[in-house]
């Protein structure tokens, strides 16, 4: 059974930083690209960032480029999202997700939620002004 468990969310002031983690079990972690999404209250879920199984290829939403860094440690079966210079508009529940296809990179655009077959339960990030 594949499981994804996020952690690291919390309350932080604007300009602060947080690091989210996503621990994965039940599949060969390094074989799958992974992504982060977020959903703010009364808004649709949106793509944040994604990276390949090796971690060498990365892509970011324009809204977080330069402030967020996605990474992974395949020895620990864990993916990370380092967030700096946080803004109130970054407030959301953050979800990690695993690409449904094993391979070097995505079959479809990484921002397409249908590309992912397993999701974590989410972790709340709240940025106060």
Foldseek 3Di string as FASTA:
>chain_A
DKAWAKDWADEEAAQAKIKMKIAIDDDQLLQWKKFKWWDDPPGDIWGAKIAWSVRPDIDGDPVQPPFWDWGDDSVRRMIMIIGGSDDQVVWTWMKMFIFPDGDGDFPDPPGDPVRTDDMHPTDTHGYHD
